[in-house]
Amino acid sequence: MSGPPADKQVHIICDNYATHKHPKVERWLKRHKRFHLHFTPTSASWLNMIERFFRDLTDKRIRRGVFKDLEQLITAIGDYIDRHNESLKPFIWTAKAADILEKVKRARTARNNRPSE
């Protein structure tokens, strides 16, 4: 599999996990100028599709189950993934960007205005 054409800029959206900001990553990005990282806001897990998947797995299968051993848990997770993969469809954002940014702004304001403990 080949990568993107060498003359194209590549924009990558990442969560705020520390490994994405590691000095080795930053050095690599300095050497590869066409790659640009953009980070989702802190506390915005709803923007991260894999976190949404794990939330659904937890809510729809793990919390509802009773598992007598690790093997049962592993089987339940595998079954959930198999069923999920049978009906794949692209996720289409329906929220407007301005609405999402307004929610992020309100969340930051609320977080910044919390009383100190």
PDB file of N, CA and C in Angstrom:
ATOM      1  N   MET A   1       0.856  -1.179   0.000  1.00  0.00           N
ATOM      2  CA  MET A   1       0.000   0.000   0.000  1.00  0.00           C
ATOM      3  C   MET A   1       0.897   1.237   0.000  1.00  0.00           C
ATOM      4  N   SER A   2       0.640   2.119  -0.893  1.00  0.00           N
ATOM      5  CA  SER A   2       1.438   3.343  -0.956  1.00  0.00           C
ATOM      6  C   SER A   2       0.775   4.444  -0.146  1.00  0.00           C
ATOM      7  N   GLY A   3       1.567   5.397   0.243  1.00  0.00           N
ATOM      8  CA  GLY A   3       1.058   6.513   1.024  1.00  0.00           C
ATOM      9  C   GLY A   3       0.495   7.598   0.136  1.00  0.00           C
ATOM     10  N   PRO A   4       0.139   8.730   0.742  1.00  0.00           N
ATOM     11  CA  PRO A   4      -0.408   9.846  -0.031  1.00  0.00           C
ATOM     12  C   PRO A   4       0.651  10.399  -0.987  1.00  0.00           C
ATOM     13  N   PRO A   5       0.214  10.986  -2.086  1.00  0.00           N
ATOM     14  CA  PRO A   5       1.183  11.583  -3.022  1.00  0.00           C
ATOM     15  C   PRO A   5       2.087  12.578  -2.291  1.00  0.00           C
ATOM     16  N   ALA A   6       3.348  12.570  -2.668  1.00  0.00           N
ATOM     17  CA  ALA A   6       4.356  13.367  -1.967  1.00  0.00           C
ATOM     18  C   ALA A   6       4.094  14.866  -2.017  1.00  0.00           C
ATOM     19  N   ASP A   7       3.306  15.336  -2.976  1.00  0.00           N
ATOM     20  CA  ASP A   7       3.059  16.773  -3.086  1.00  0.00           C
ATOM     21  C   ASP A   7       1.822  17.220  -2.302  1.00  0.00           C
ATOM     22  N   LYS A   8       1.167  16.310  -1.608  1.00  0.00           N
ATOM     23  CA  LYS A   8      -0.057  16.636  -0.858  1.00  0.00           C
ATOM     24  C   LYS A   8       0.242  16.870   0.618  1.00  0.00           C
ATOM     25  N   GLN A   9      -0.465  17.830   1.214  1.00  0.00           N
ATOM     26  CA  GLN A   9      -0.398  18.047   2.648  1.00  0.00           C
ATOM     27  C   GLN A   9      -1.291  17.004   3.325  1.00  0.00           C
ATOM     28  N   VAL A  10      -0.855  16.492   4.457  1.00  0.00           N
ATOM     29  CA  VAL A  10      -1.606  15.475   5.173  1.00  0.00           C
ATOM     30  C   VAL A  10      -1.963  16.031   6.546  1.00  0.00           C
ATOM     31  N   HIS A  11      -3.254  16.088   6.835  1.00  0.00           N
ATOM     32  CA  HIS A  11      -3.748  16.579   8.115  1.00  0.00           C
ATOM     33  C   HIS A  11      -4.285  15.387   8.898  1.00  0.00           C
ATOM     34  N   ILE A  12      -3.780  15.216  10.113  1.00  0.00           N
ATOM     35  CA  ILE A  12      -4.121  14.075  10.944  1.00  0.00           C
ATOM     36  C   ILE A  12      -4.792  14.581  12.213  1.00  0.00           C
ATOM     37  N   ILE A  13      -5.953  14.027  12.506  1.00  0.00           N
ATOM     38  CA  ILE A  13      -6.678  14.413  13.725  1.00  0.00           C
ATOM     39  C   ILE A  13      -6.388  13.366  14.789  1.00  0.00           C
ATOM     40  N   CYS A  14      -5.911  13.833  15.950  1.00  0.00           N
ATOM     41  CA  CYS A  14      -5.541  12.951  17.056  1.00  0.00           C
ATOM     42  C   CYS A  14      -6.258  13.406  18.327  1.00  0.00           C
ATOM     43  N   ASP A  15      -6.378  12.476  19.259  1.00  0.00           N
ATOM     44  CA  ASP A  15      -6.840  12.902  20.574  1.00  0.00           C
ATOM     45  C   ASP A  15      -5.644  13.518  21.304  1.00  0.00           C
ATOM     46  N   ASN A  16      -5.834  13.903  22.539  1.00  0.00           N
ATOM     47  CA  ASN A  16      -4.783  14.604  23.282  1.00  0.00           C
ATOM     48  C   ASN A  16      -3.861  13.674  24.055  1.00  0.00           C
ATOM     49  N   TYR A  17      -3.823  12.417  23.676  1.00  0.00           N
ATOM     50  CA  TYR A  17      -2.958  11.459  24.357  1.00  0.00           C
ATOM     51  C   TYR A  17      -1.505  11.920  24.258  1.00  0.00           C
ATOM     52  N   ALA A  18      -0.764  11.789  25.330  1.00  0.00           N
ATOM     53  CA  ALA A  18       0.584  12.348  25.419  1.00  0.00           C
ATOM     54  C   ALA A  18       1.540  11.803  24.360  1.00  0.00           C
ATOM     55  N   THR A  19       1.357  10.555  23.916  1.00  0.00           N
ATOM     56  CA  THR A  19       2.291   9.996  22.940  1.00  0.00           C
ATOM     57  C   THR A  19       2.278  10.763  21.628  1.00  0.00           C
ATOM     58  N   HIS A  20       1.170  11.400  21.300  1.00  0.00           N
ATOM     59  CA  HIS A  20       1.100  12.172  20.060  1.00  0.00           C
ATOM     60  C   HIS A  20       1.926  13.454  20.139  1.00  0.00           C
ATOM     61  N   LYS A  21       2.301  13.834  21.343  1.00  0.00           N
ATOM     62  CA  LYS A  21       3.066  15.067  21.545  1.00  0.00           C
ATOM     63  C   LYS A  21       4.480  14.770  22.041  1.00  0.00           C
ATOM     64  N   HIS A  22       4.873  13.512  21.963  1.00  0.00           N
ATOM     65  CA  HIS A  22       6.188  13.083  22.431  1.00  0.00           C
ATOM     66  C   HIS A  22       7.280  13.794  21.619  1.00  0.00           C
ATOM     67  N   PRO A  23       8.409  14.112  22.239  1.00  0.00           N
ATOM     68  CA  PRO A  23       9.491  14.786  21.496  1.00  0.00           C
ATOM     69  C   PRO A  23       9.917  14.051  20.219  1.00  0.00           C
ATOM     70  N   LYS A  24       9.890  12.723  20.221  1.00  0.00           N
ATOM     71  CA  LYS A  24      10.253  11.978  19.002  1.00  0.00           C
ATOM     72  C   LYS A  24       9.254  12.262  17.880  1.00  0.00           C
ATOM     73  N   VAL A  25       7.982  12.341  18.238  1.00  0.00           N
ATOM     74  CA  VAL A  25       6.958  12.658  17.242  1.00  0.00           C
ATOM     75  C   VAL A  25       7.167  14.074  16.732  1.00  0.00           C
ATOM     76  N   GLU A  26       7.422  15.004  17.638  1.00  0.00           N
ATOM     77  CA  GLU A  26       7.641  16.399  17.236  1.00  0.00           C
ATOM     78  C   GLU A  26       8.865  16.531  16.324  1.00  0.00           C
ATOM     79  N   ARG A  27       9.922  15.773  16.629  1.00  0.00           N
ATOM     80  CA  ARG A  27      11.110  15.803  15.760  1.00  0.00           C
ATOM     81  C   ARG A  27      10.783  15.243  14.376  1.00  0.00           C
ATOM     82  N   TRP A  28      10.019  14.153  14.337  1.00  0.00           N
ATOM     83  CA  TRP A  28       9.635  13.554  13.056  1.00  0.00           C
ATOM     84  C   TRP A  28       8.819  14.553  12.236  1.00  0.00           C
ATOM     85  N   LEU A  29       7.883  15.223  12.887  1.00  0.00           N
ATOM     86  CA  LEU A  29       7.036  16.196  12.186  1.00  0.00           C
ATOM     87  C   LEU A  29       7.867  17.362  11.640  1.00  0.00           C
ATOM     88  N   LYS A  30       8.897  17.762  12.365  1.00  0.00           N
ATOM     89  CA  LYS A  30       9.763  18.841  11.865  1.00  0.00           C
ATOM     90  C   LYS A  30      10.497  18.422  10.595  1.00  0.00           C
ATOM     91  N   ARG A  31      10.824  17.133  10.495  1.00  0.00           N
ATOM     92  CA  ARG A  31      11.510  16.627   9.298  1.00  0.00           C
ATOM     93  C   ARG A  31      10.539  16.340   8.156  1.00  0.00           C
ATOM     94  N   HIS A  32       9.265  16.172   8.452  1.00  0.00           N
ATOM     95  CA  HIS A  32       8.248  15.829   7.454  1.00  0.00           C
ATOM     96  C   HIS A  32       7.175  16.924   7.470  1.00  0.00           C
ATOM     97  N   LYS A  33       7.492  18.032   6.848  1.00  0.00           N
ATOM     98  CA  LYS A  33       6.695  19.259   6.950  1.00  0.00           C
ATOM     99  C   LYS A  33       5.275  19.143   6.397  1.00  0.00           C
ATOM    100  N   ARG A  34       5.014  18.177   5.530  1.00  0.00           N
ATOM    101  CA  ARG A  34       3.676  18.099   4.941  1.00  0.00           C
ATOM    102  C   ARG A  34       2.650  17.449   5.863  1.00  0.00           C
ATOM    103  N   PHE A  35       3.109  16.893   6.987  1.00  0.00           N
ATOM    104  CA  PHE A  35       2.203  16.264   7.939  1.00  0.00           C
ATOM    105  C   PHE A  35       1.858  17.262   9.046  1.00  0.00           C
ATOM    106  N   HIS A  36       0.577  17.407   9.324  1.00  0.00           N
ATOM    107  CA  HIS A  36       0.095  18.380  10.311  1.00  0.00           C
ATOM    108  C   HIS A  36      -0.853  17.668  11.278  1.00  0.00           C
ATOM    109  N   LEU A  37      -0.543  17.754  12.563  1.00  0.00           N
ATOM    110  CA  LEU A  37      -1.411  17.156  13.571  1.00  0.00           C
ATOM    111  C   LEU A  37      -2.381  18.199  14.103  1.00  0.00           C
ATOM    112  N   HIS A  38      -3.616  17.787  14.256  1.00  0.00           N
ATOM    113  CA  HIS A  38      -4.652  18.600  14.871  1.00  0.00           C
ATOM    114  C   HIS A  38      -5.225  17.768  16.009  1.00  0.00           C
ATOM    115  N   PHE A  39      -5.438  18.388  17.160  1.00  0.00           N
ATOM    116  CA  PHE A  39      -5.868  17.645  18.341  1.00  0.00           C
ATOM    117  C   PHE A  39      -7.308  17.982  18.696  1.00  0.00           C
ATOM    118  N   THR A  40      -8.063  16.934  19.049  1.00  0.00           N
ATOM    119  CA  THR A  40      -9.418  17.174  19.529  1.00  0.00           C
ATOM    120  C   THR A  40      -9.313  17.851  20.892  1.00  0.00           C
ATOM    121  N   PRO A  41     -10.318  18.620  21.269  1.00  0.00           N
ATOM    122  CA  PRO A  41     -10.259  19.305  22.564  1.00  0.00           C
ATOM    123  C   PRO A  41     -10.216  18.308  23.724  1.00  0.00           C
ATOM    124  N   THR A  42      -9.563  18.702  24.791  1.00  0.00           N
ATOM    125  CA  THR A  42      -9.572  17.895  26.005  1.00  0.00           C
ATOM    126  C   THR A  42     -11.018  17.722  26.459  1.00  0.00           C
ATOM    127  N   SER A  43     -11.326  16.563  26.972  1.00  0.00           N
ATOM    128  CA  SER A  43     -12.683  16.228  27.444  1.00  0.00           C
ATOM    129  C   SER A  43     -13.701  16.222  26.310  1.00  0.00           C
ATOM    130  N   ALA A  44     -13.272  15.869  25.131  1.00  0.00           N
ATOM    131  CA  ALA A  44     -14.194  15.779  23.991  1.00  0.00           C
ATOM    132  C   ALA A  44     -14.150  14.371  23.408  1.00  0.00           C
ATOM    133  N   SER A  45     -14.276  13.371  24.283  1.00  0.00           N
ATOM    134  CA  SER A  45     -14.192  11.987  23.826  1.00  0.00           C
ATOM    135  C   SER A  45     -15.278  11.658  22.808  1.00  0.00           C
ATOM    136  N   TRP A  46     -16.368  12.420  22.818  1.00  0.00           N
ATOM    137  CA  TRP A  46     -17.451  12.180  21.856  1.00  0.00           C
ATOM    138  C   TRP A  46     -17.005  12.447  20.428  1.00  0.00           C
ATOM    139  N   LEU A  47     -15.877  13.140  20.242  1.00  0.00           N
ATOM    140  CA  LEU A  47     -15.347  13.362  18.902  1.00  0.00           C
ATOM    141  C   LEU A  47     -14.463  12.214  18.425  1.00  0.00           C
ATOM    142  N   ASN A  48     -14.027  11.376  19.344  1.00  0.00           N
ATOM    143  CA  ASN A  48     -13.111  10.298  19.026  1.00  0.00           C
ATOM    144  C   ASN A  48     -13.927   9.041  18.736  1.00  0.00           C
ATOM    145  N   MET A  49     -13.931   8.603  17.480  1.00  0.00           N
ATOM    146  CA  MET A  49     -14.797   7.494  17.078  1.00  0.00           C
ATOM    147  C   MET A  49     -14.467   6.193  17.798  1.00  0.00           C
ATOM    148  N   ILE A  50     -13.207   5.911  18.093  1.00  0.00           N
ATOM    149  CA  ILE A  50     -12.891   4.671  18.801  1.00  0.00           C
ATOM    150  C   ILE A  50     -13.389   4.731  20.238  1.00  0.00           C
ATOM    151  N   GLU A  51     -13.366   5.905  20.854  1.00  0.00           N
ATOM    152  CA  GLU A  51     -13.924   6.027  22.197  1.00  0.00           C
ATOM    153  C   GLU A  51     -15.435   5.838  22.170  1.00  0.00           C
ATOM    154  N   ARG A  52     -16.074   6.314  21.108  1.00  0.00           N
ATOM    155  CA  ARG A  52     -17.521   6.096  20.965  1.00  0.00           C
ATOM    156  C   ARG A  52     -17.816   4.600  20.837  1.00  0.00           C
ATOM    157  N   PHE A  53     -16.978   3.891  20.069  1.00  0.00           N
ATOM    158  CA  PHE A  53     -17.169   2.451  19.910  1.00  0.00           C
ATOM    159  C   PHE A  53     -17.021   1.747  21.258  1.00  0.00           C
ATOM    160  N   PHE A  54     -15.967   2.074  22.014  1.00  0.00           N
ATOM    161  CA  PHE A  54     -15.766   1.438  23.314  1.00  0.00           C
ATOM    162  C   PHE A  54     -16.891   1.793  24.293  1.00  0.00           C
ATOM    163  N   ARG A  55     -17.412   3.011  24.203  1.00  0.00           N
ATOM    164  CA  ARG A  55     -18.554   3.376  25.046  1.00  0.00           C
ATOM    165  C   ARG A  55     -19.748   2.479  24.728  1.00  0.00           C
ATOM    166  N   ASP A  56     -20.020   2.307  23.421  1.00  0.00           N
ATOM    167  CA  ASP A  56     -21.148   1.460  23.028  1.00  0.00           C
ATOM    168  C   ASP A  56     -20.924   0.012  23.446  1.00  0.00           C
ATOM    169  N   LEU A  57     -19.723  -0.505  23.257  1.00  0.00           N
ATOM    170  CA  LEU A  57     -19.397  -1.868  23.681  1.00  0.00           C
ATOM    171  C   LEU A  57     -19.643  -2.018  25.182  1.00  0.00           C
ATOM    172  N   THR A  58     -19.184  -1.052  25.949  1.00  0.00           N
ATOM    173  CA  THR A  58     -19.365  -1.104  27.399  1.00  0.00           C
ATOM    174  C   THR A  58     -20.834  -1.045  27.775  1.00  0.00           C
ATOM    175  N   ASP A  59     -21.558  -0.078  27.201  1.00  0.00           N
ATOM    176  CA  ASP A  59     -22.964   0.107  27.562  1.00  0.00           C
ATOM    177  C   ASP A  59     -23.865  -1.031  27.072  1.00  0.00           C
ATOM    178  N   LYS A  60     -23.619  -1.512  25.864  1.00  0.00           N
ATOM    179  CA  LYS A  60     -24.542  -2.477  25.251  1.00  0.00           C
ATOM    180  C   LYS A  60     -24.189  -3.931  25.534  1.00  0.00           C
ATOM    181  N   ARG A  61     -22.944  -4.203  25.931  1.00  0.00           N
ATOM    182  CA  ARG A  61     -22.581  -5.603  26.134  1.00  0.00           C
ATOM    183  C   ARG A  61     -21.922  -5.887  27.480  1.00  0.00           C
ATOM    184  N   ILE A  62     -20.921  -5.137  27.837  1.00  0.00           N
ATOM    185  CA  ILE A  62     -20.165  -5.498  29.039  1.00  0.00           C
ATOM    186  C   ILE A  62     -20.970  -5.236  30.308  1.00  0.00           C
ATOM    187  N   ARG A  63     -21.569  -4.047  30.441  1.00  0.00           N
ATOM    188  CA  ARG A  63     -22.328  -3.736  31.663  1.00  0.00           C
ATOM    189  C   ARG A  63     -23.567  -4.612  31.804  1.00  0.00           C
ATOM    190  N   ARG A  64     -24.109  -5.084  30.712  1.00  0.00           N
ATOM    191  CA  ARG A  64     -25.329  -5.915  30.748  1.00  0.00           C
ATOM    192  C   ARG A  64     -25.011  -7.389  30.997  1.00  0.00           C
ATOM    193  N   GLY A  65     -23.749  -7.756  30.928  1.00  0.00           N
ATOM    194  CA  GLY A  65     -23.393  -9.170  31.012  1.00  0.00           C
ATOM    195  C   GLY A  65     -22.932  -9.590  32.389  1.00  0.00           C
ATOM    196  N   VAL A  66     -22.971 -10.894  32.592  1.00  0.00           N
ATOM    197  CA  VAL A  66     -22.399 -11.520  33.776  1.00  0.00           C
ATOM    198  C   VAL A  66     -21.395 -12.537  33.251  1.00  0.00           C
ATOM    199  N   PHE A  67     -20.160 -12.405  33.661  1.00  0.00           N
ATOM    200  CA  PHE A  67     -19.097 -13.240  33.133  1.00  0.00           C
ATOM    201  C   PHE A  67     -18.439 -14.001  34.281  1.00  0.00           C
ATOM    202  N   LYS A  68     -18.409 -15.327  34.165  1.00  0.00           N
ATOM    203  CA  LYS A  68     -17.858 -16.161  35.229  1.00  0.00           C
ATOM    204  C   LYS A  68     -16.345 -16.238  35.172  1.00  0.00           C
ATOM    205  N   ASP A  69     -15.785 -15.928  33.994  1.00  0.00           N
ATOM    206  CA  ASP A  69     -14.333 -15.951  33.879  1.00  0.00           C
ATOM    207  C   ASP A  69     -13.910 -15.062  32.705  1.00  0.00           C
ATOM    208  N   LEU A  70     -12.613 -14.897  32.579  1.00  0.00           N
ATOM    209  CA  LEU A  70     -12.065 -14.030  31.545  1.00  0.00           C
ATOM    210  C   LEU A  70     -12.439 -14.532  30.148  1.00  0.00           C
ATOM    211  N   GLU A  71     -12.454 -15.837  29.955  1.00  0.00           N
ATOM    212  CA  GLU A  71     -12.781 -16.404  28.644  1.00  0.00           C
ATOM    213  C   GLU A  71     -14.194 -16.002  28.205  1.00  0.00           C
ATOM    214  N   GLN A  72     -15.143 -16.000  29.127  1.00  0.00           N
ATOM    215  CA  GLN A  72     -16.510 -15.573  28.786  1.00  0.00           C
ATOM    216  C   GLN A  72     -16.542 -14.104  28.377  1.00  0.00           C
ATOM    217  N   LEU A  73     -15.792 -13.272  29.076  1.00  0.00           N
ATOM    218  CA  LEU A  73     -15.727 -11.852  28.732  1.00  0.00           C
ATOM    219  C   LEU A  73     -15.120 -11.671  27.341  1.00  0.00           C
ATOM    220  N   ILE A  74     -14.027 -12.367  27.073  1.00  0.00           N
ATOM    221  CA  ILE A  74     -13.377 -12.270  25.763  1.00  0.00           C
ATOM    222  C   ILE A  74     -14.332 -12.719  24.661  1.00  0.00           C
ATOM    223  N   THR A  75     -15.058 -13.794  24.883  1.00  0.00           N
ATOM    224  CA  THR A  75     -16.018 -14.297  23.896  1.00  0.00           C
ATOM    225  C   THR A  75     -17.132 -13.278  23.670  1.00  0.00           C
ATOM    226  N   ALA A  76     -17.641 -12.681  24.742  1.00  0.00           N
ATOM    227  CA  ALA A  76     -18.720 -11.690  24.614  1.00  0.00           C
ATOM    228  C   ALA A  76     -18.252 -10.481  23.806  1.00  0.00           C
ATOM    229  N   ILE A  77     -17.036 -10.024  24.047  1.00  0.00           N
ATOM    230  CA  ILE A  77     -16.498  -8.881  23.295  1.00  0.00           C
ATOM    231  C   ILE A  77     -16.333  -9.264  21.830  1.00  0.00           C
ATOM    232  N   GLY A  78     -15.786 -10.446  21.566  1.00  0.00           N
ATOM    233  CA  GLY A  78     -15.624 -10.907  20.189  1.00  0.00           C
ATOM    234  C   GLY A  78     -16.949 -11.016  19.465  1.00  0.00           C
ATOM    235  N   ASP A  79     -17.975 -11.552  20.150  1.00  0.00           N
ATOM    236  CA  ASP A  79     -19.309 -11.666  19.539  1.00  0.00           C
ATOM    237  C   ASP A  79     -19.884 -10.286  19.227  1.00  0.00           C
ATOM    238  N   TYR A  80     -19.703  -9.339  20.145  1.00  0.00           N
ATOM    239  CA  TYR A  80     -20.208  -7.988  19.917  1.00  0.00           C
ATOM    240  C   TYR A  80     -19.538  -7.375  18.687  1.00  0.00           C
ATOM    241  N   ILE A  81     -18.229  -7.527  18.593  1.00  0.00           N
ATOM    242  CA  ILE A  81     -17.489  -6.968  17.452  1.00  0.00           C
ATOM    243  C   ILE A  81     -17.955  -7.628  16.153  1.00  0.00           C
ATOM    244  N   ASP A  82     -18.137  -8.947  16.174  1.00  0.00           N
ATOM    245  CA  ASP A  82     -18.609  -9.645  14.972  1.00  0.00           C
ATOM    246  C   ASP A  82     -19.974  -9.127  14.534  1.00  0.00           C
ATOM    247  N   ARG A  83     -20.903  -8.974  15.479  1.00  0.00           N
ATOM    248  CA  ARG A  83     -22.240  -8.449  15.131  1.00  0.00           C
ATOM    249  C   ARG A  83     -22.148  -7.015  14.625  1.00  0.00           C
ATOM    250  N   HIS A  84     -21.315  -6.223  15.269  1.00  0.00           N
ATOM    251  CA  HIS A  84     -21.128  -4.831  14.841  1.00  0.00           C
ATOM    252  C   HIS A  84     -20.613  -4.780  13.403  1.00  0.00           C
ATOM    253  N   ASN A  85     -19.668  -5.645  13.088  1.00  0.00           N
ATOM    254  CA  ASN A  85     -19.055  -5.645  11.758  1.00  0.00           C
ATOM    255  C   ASN A  85     -19.983  -6.160  10.664  1.00  0.00           C
ATOM    256  N   GLU A  86     -21.053  -6.856  11.034  1.00  0.00           N
ATOM    257  CA  GLU A  86     -22.012  -7.340  10.036  1.00  0.00           C
ATOM    258  C   GLU A  86     -22.837  -6.207   9.438  1.00  0.00           C
ATOM    259  N   SER A  87     -22.936  -5.108  10.132  1.00  0.00           N
ATOM    260  CA  SER A  87     -23.790  -4.011   9.658  1.00  0.00           C
ATOM    261  C   SER A  87     -23.026  -2.690   9.639  1.00  0.00           C
ATOM    262  N   LEU A  88     -21.822  -2.729   9.098  1.00  0.00           N
ATOM    263  CA  LEU A  88     -21.017  -1.508   9.036  1.00  0.00           C
ATOM    264  C   LEU A  88     -21.646  -0.475   8.118  1.00  0.00           C
ATOM    265  N   LYS A  89     -21.540   0.750   8.512  1.00  0.00           N
ATOM    266  CA  LYS A  89     -21.973   1.860   7.674  1.00  0.00           C
ATOM    267  C   LYS A  89     -21.153   3.075   8.068  1.00  0.00           C
ATOM    268  N   PRO A  90     -20.915   3.968   7.136  1.00  0.00           N
ATOM    269  CA  PRO A  90     -20.112   5.147   7.480  1.00  0.00           C
ATOM    270  C   PRO A  90     -20.846   6.030   8.482  1.00  0.00           C
ATOM    271  N   PHE A  91     -20.066   6.633   9.358  1.00  0.00           N
ATOM    272  CA  PHE A  91     -20.647   7.597  10.292  1.00  0.00           C
ATOM    273  C   PHE A  91     -20.708   8.938   9.592  1.00  0.00           C
ATOM    274  N   ILE A  92     -21.865   9.536   9.597  1.00  0.00           N
ATOM    275  CA  ILE A  92     -22.048  10.833   8.954  1.00  0.00           C
ATOM    276  C   ILE A  92     -22.406  11.846  10.032  1.00  0.00           C
ATOM    277  N   TRP A  93     -21.549  12.849  10.181  1.00  0.00           N
ATOM    278  CA  TRP A  93     -21.815  13.889  11.168  1.00  0.00           C
ATOM    279  C   TRP A  93     -23.048  14.669  10.736  1.00  0.00           C
ATOM    280  N   THR A  94     -23.955  14.879  11.658  1.00  0.00           N
ATOM    281  CA  THR A  94     -25.137  15.683  11.359  1.00  0.00           C
ATOM    282  C   THR A  94     -25.100  17.030  12.068  1.00  0.00           C
ATOM    283  N   ALA A  95     -24.255  17.131  13.074  1.00  0.00           N
ATOM    284  CA  ALA A  95     -24.148  18.398  13.791  1.00  0.00           C
ATOM    285  C   ALA A  95     -23.345  19.388  12.944  1.00  0.00           C
ATOM    286  N   LYS A  96     -23.724  20.632  13.032  1.00  0.00           N
ATOM    287  CA  LYS A  96     -22.990  21.681  12.324  1.00  0.00           C
ATOM    288  C   LYS A  96     -21.725  22.025  13.120  1.00  0.00           C
ATOM    289  N   ALA A  97     -20.661  22.337  12.404  1.00  0.00           N
ATOM    290  CA  ALA A  97     -19.387  22.660  13.043  1.00  0.00           C
ATOM    291  C   ALA A  97     -19.552  23.795  14.055  1.00  0.00           C
ATOM    292  N   ALA A  98     -20.324  24.807  13.708  1.00  0.00           N
ATOM    293  CA  ALA A  98     -20.519  25.943  14.613  1.00  0.00           C
ATOM    294  C   ALA A  98     -21.176  25.497  15.921  1.00  0.00           C
ATOM    295  N   ASP A  99     -22.129  24.551  15.848  1.00  0.00           N
ATOM    296  CA  ASP A  99     -22.782  24.050  17.057  1.00  0.00           C
ATOM    297  C   ASP A  99     -21.802  23.273  17.931  1.00  0.00           C
ATOM    298  N   ILE A 100     -20.970  22.461  17.301  1.00  0.00           N
ATOM    299  CA  ILE A 100     -19.974  21.692  18.043  1.00  0.00           C
ATOM    300  C   ILE A 100     -18.993  22.633  18.732  1.00  0.00           C
ATOM    301  N   LEU A 101     -18.504  23.619  18.002  1.00  0.00           N
ATOM    302  CA  LEU A 101     -17.550  24.563  18.587  1.00  0.00           C
ATOM    303  C   LEU A 101     -18.180  25.363  19.724  1.00  0.00           C
ATOM    304  N   GLU A 102     -19.446  25.684  19.607  1.00  0.00           N
ATOM    305  CA  GLU A 102     -20.139  26.396  20.684  1.00  0.00           C
ATOM    306  C   GLU A 102     -20.220  25.526  21.935  1.00  0.00           C
ATOM    307  N   LYS A 103     -20.487  24.225  21.771  1.00  0.00           N
ATOM    308  CA  LYS A 103     -20.516  23.318  22.925  1.00  0.00           C
ATOM    309  C   LYS A 103     -19.146  23.230  23.579  1.00  0.00           C
ATOM    310  N   VAL A 104     -18.106  23.153  22.769  1.00  0.00           N
ATOM    311  CA  VAL A 104     -16.744  23.107  23.307  1.00  0.00           C
ATOM    312  C   VAL A 104     -16.458  24.382  24.086  1.00  0.00           C
ATOM    313  N   LYS A 105     -16.855  25.522  23.545  1.00  0.00           N
ATOM    314  CA  LYS A 105     -16.633  26.814  24.216  1.00  0.00           C
ATOM    315  C   LYS A 105     -17.363  26.855  25.561  1.00  0.00           C
ATOM    316  N   ARG A 106     -18.633  26.392  25.585  1.00  0.00           N
ATOM    317  CA  ARG A 106     -19.394  26.375  26.842  1.00  0.00           C
ATOM    318  C   ARG A 106     -18.753  25.446  27.864  1.00  0.00           C
ATOM    319  N   ALA A 107     -18.265  24.283  27.399  1.00  0.00           N
ATOM    320  CA  ALA A 107     -17.635  23.325  28.318  1.00  0.00           C
ATOM    321  C   ALA A 107     -16.363  23.907  28.911  1.00  0.00           C
ATOM    322  N   ARG A 108     -15.572  24.579  28.084  1.00  0.00           N
ATOM    323  CA  ARG A 108     -14.347  25.206  28.599  1.00  0.00           C
ATOM    324  C   ARG A 108     -14.670  26.290  29.609  1.00  0.00           C
ATOM    325  N   THR A 109     -15.672  27.105  29.314  1.00  0.00           N
ATOM    326  CA  THR A 109     -16.070  28.169  30.232  1.00  0.00           C
ATOM    327  C   THR A 109     -16.528  27.578  31.557  1.00  0.00           C
ATOM    328  N   ALA A 110     -17.353  26.524  31.481  1.00  0.00           N
ATOM    329  CA  ALA A 110     -17.837  25.877  32.706  1.00  0.00           C
ATOM    330  C   ALA A 110     -16.683  25.290  33.503  1.00  0.00           C
ATOM    331  N   ARG A 111     -15.745  24.634  32.804  1.00  0.00           N
ATOM    332  CA  ARG A 111     -14.589  24.035  33.477  1.00  0.00           C
ATOM    333  C   ARG A 111     -13.726  25.113  34.125  1.00  0.00           C
ATOM    334  N   ASN A 112     -13.509  26.208  33.432  1.00  0.00           N
ATOM    335  CA  ASN A 112     -12.647  27.280  33.947  1.00  0.00           C
ATOM    336  C   ASN A 112     -13.297  28.045  35.087  1.00  0.00           C
ATOM    337  N   ASN A 113     -14.615  28.001  35.181  1.00  0.00           N
ATOM    338  CA  ASN A 113     -15.339  28.750  36.225  1.00  0.00           C
ATOM    339  C   ASN A 113     -15.673  27.895  37.443  1.00  0.00           C
ATOM    340  N   ARG A 114     -15.223  26.629  37.454  1.00  0.00           N
ATOM    341  CA  ARG A 114     -15.482  25.764  38.610  1.00  0.00           C
ATOM    342  C   ARG A 114     -14.721  26.302  39.819  1.00  0.00           C
ATOM    343  N   PRO A 115     -15.340  26.235  40.985  1.00  0.00           N
ATOM    344  CA  PRO A 115     -14.623  26.667  42.194  1.00  0.00           C
ATOM    345  C   PRO A 115     -13.467  25.712  42.486  1.00  0.00           C
ATOM    346  N   SER A 116     -12.409  26.239  43.040  1.00  0.00           N
ATOM    347  CA  SER A 116     -11.254  25.421  43.413  1.00  0.00           C
ATOM    348  C   SER A 116     -11.615  24.554  44.588  1.00  0.00           C
ATOM    349  N   GLU A 117     -11.020  23.372  44.617  1.00  0.00           N
ATOM    350  CA  GLU A 117     -11.298  22.464  45.753  1.00  0.00           C
ATOM    351  C   GLU A 117     -10.248  22.575  46.807  1.00  0.00           C
TER     352      GLU A 117
END
